[in-house]
Amino acid sequence: MGIGKTIATSFAMLRAAATHGLDKVFYLTAKSTGRQMAFEACARLRGADGAVSLRVLRMSKRARPLHG
């Protein structure tokens, strides 16, 4: 399973944000697989040497209690 579309979208967002002086970018996804791919894309964009300064905040919904 590749992350080509996710990293392409992330790169485009981050590049546009830097060009327009924005300091926050939000990436929302409905599925946990999409969330994991977004984090992998951020890790790739950040690079092994940490050349790109990038902070990531991961949020997810709180589990609902089961009512029976």
C-alpha atoms as a PDB file:
ATOM      1  CA  MET A   1       0.000   0.000   0.000  1.00  0.00           C
ATOM      2  CA  GLY A   2       1.567   3.276  -1.089  1.00  0.00           C
ATOM      3  CA  ILE A   3       1.269   6.802   0.255  1.00  0.00           C
ATOM      4  CA  GLY A   4       1.763   8.634  -3.031  1.00  0.00           C
ATOM      5  CA  LYS A   5      -1.478  10.627  -3.009  1.00  0.00           C
ATOM      6  CA  THR A   6      -1.201  11.428   0.683  1.00  0.00           C
ATOM      7  CA  ILE A   7       2.362  12.721   0.444  1.00  0.00           C
ATOM      8  CA  ALA A   8       1.532  14.643  -2.738  1.00  0.00           C
ATOM      9  CA  THR A   9      -1.374  16.355  -0.991  1.00  0.00           C
ATOM     10  CA  SER A  10       0.661  17.023   2.163  1.00  0.00           C
ATOM     11  CA  PHE A  11       3.578  18.444   0.205  1.00  0.00           C
ATOM     12  CA  ALA A  12       1.301  20.733  -1.790  1.00  0.00           C
ATOM     13  CA  MET A  13      -0.395  21.981   1.403  1.00  0.00           C
ATOM     14  CA  LEU A  14       2.880  22.642   3.198  1.00  0.00           C
ATOM     15  CA  ARG A  15       4.430  24.363   0.209  1.00  0.00           C
ATOM     16  CA  ALA A  16       1.403  26.625  -0.233  1.00  0.00           C
ATOM     17  CA  ALA A  17       1.359  27.387   3.497  1.00  0.00           C
ATOM     18  CA  ALA A  18       5.013  28.454   3.442  1.00  0.00           C
ATOM     19  CA  THR A  19       4.470  30.583   0.335  1.00  0.00           C
ATOM     20  CA  HIS A  20       1.506  32.389   1.887  1.00  0.00           C
ATOM     21  CA  GLY A  21       3.030  32.778   5.350  1.00  0.00           C
ATOM     22  CA  LEU A  22       0.647  30.360   7.067  1.00  0.00           C
ATOM     23  CA  ASP A  23       1.893  28.562  10.152  1.00  0.00           C
ATOM     24  CA  LYS A  24      -0.860  25.946  10.533  1.00  0.00           C
ATOM     25  CA  VAL A  25      -2.199  23.269   8.214  1.00  0.00           C
ATOM     26  CA  PHE A  26      -5.040  20.911   9.062  1.00  0.00           C
ATOM     27  CA  TYR A  27      -5.321  17.493   7.458  1.00  0.00           C
ATOM     28  CA  LEU A  28      -8.509  15.637   8.322  1.00  0.00           C
ATOM     29  CA  THR A  29      -9.239  12.029   7.556  1.00  0.00           C
ATOM     30  CA  ALA A  30     -12.119   9.742   8.461  1.00  0.00           C
ATOM     31  CA  LYS A  31     -10.173   6.496   8.542  1.00  0.00           C
ATOM     32  CA  SER A  32      -7.336   5.346  10.759  1.00  0.00           C
ATOM     33  CA  THR A  33      -5.438   4.024   7.724  1.00  0.00           C
ATOM     34  CA  GLY A  34      -5.540   7.497   6.175  1.00  0.00           C
ATOM     35  CA  ARG A  35      -4.330   8.998   9.437  1.00  0.00           C
ATOM     36  CA  GLN A  36      -1.396   6.576   9.581  1.00  0.00           C
ATOM     37  CA  MET A  37      -0.474   7.356   5.969  1.00  0.00           C
ATOM     38  CA  ALA A  38      -0.558  11.084   6.723  1.00  0.00           C
ATOM     39  CA  PHE A  39       1.867  10.571   9.610  1.00  0.00           C
ATOM     40  CA  GLU A  40       4.170   8.505   7.412  1.00  0.00           C
ATOM     41  CA  ALA A  41       4.040  11.250   4.783  1.00  0.00           C
ATOM     42  CA  CYS A  42       4.974  13.851   7.412  1.00  0.00           C
ATOM     43  CA  ALA A  43       7.889  11.690   8.526  1.00  0.00           C
ATOM     44  CA  ARG A  44       9.114  11.489   4.936  1.00  0.00           C
ATOM     45  CA  LEU A  45       8.711  15.229   4.429  1.00  0.00           C
ATOM     46  CA  ARG A  46      10.606  15.891   7.656  1.00  0.00           C
ATOM     47  CA  GLY A  47      13.456  13.679   6.429  1.00  0.00           C
ATOM     48  CA  ALA A  48      15.984  11.612   8.313  1.00  0.00           C
ATOM     49  CA  ASP A  49      18.185  14.624   9.055  1.00  0.00           C
ATOM     50  CA  GLY A  50      15.306  16.772  10.332  1.00  0.00           C
ATOM     51  CA  ALA A  51      15.960  19.446   7.704  1.00  0.00           C
ATOM     52  CA  VAL A  52      12.270  20.396   7.583  1.00  0.00           C
ATOM     53  CA  SER A  53      10.854  21.833  10.796  1.00  0.00           C
ATOM     54  CA  LEU A  54       7.468  20.202  11.181  1.00  0.00           C
ATOM     55  CA  ARG A  55       5.355  19.663  14.294  1.00  0.00           C
ATOM     56  CA  VAL A  56       2.482  17.219  14.129  1.00  0.00           C
ATOM     57  CA  LEU A  57      -0.485  16.992  16.481  1.00  0.00           C
ATOM     58  CA  ARG A  58      -2.523  13.818  16.337  1.00  0.00           C
ATOM     59  CA  MET A  59      -6.117  13.953  17.510  1.00  0.00           C
ATOM     60  CA  SER A  60      -8.785  11.304  17.377  1.00  0.00           C
ATOM     61  CA  LYS A  61     -12.297  10.987  18.636  1.00  0.00           C
ATOM     62  CA  ARG A  62     -12.942   9.625  22.061  1.00  0.00           C
ATOM     63  CA  ALA A  63     -14.389   6.127  22.183  1.00  0.00           C
ATOM     64  CA  ARG A  64     -18.059   6.031  23.127  1.00  0.00           C
ATOM     65  CA  PRO A  65     -19.187   3.760  25.933  1.00  0.00           C
ATOM     66  CA  LEU A  66     -21.392   0.883  24.850  1.00  0.00           C
ATOM     67  CA  HIS A  67     -24.969   1.080  26.085  1.00  0.00           C
ATOM     68  CA  GLY A  68     -26.823  -2.183  26.316  1.00  0.00           C
END
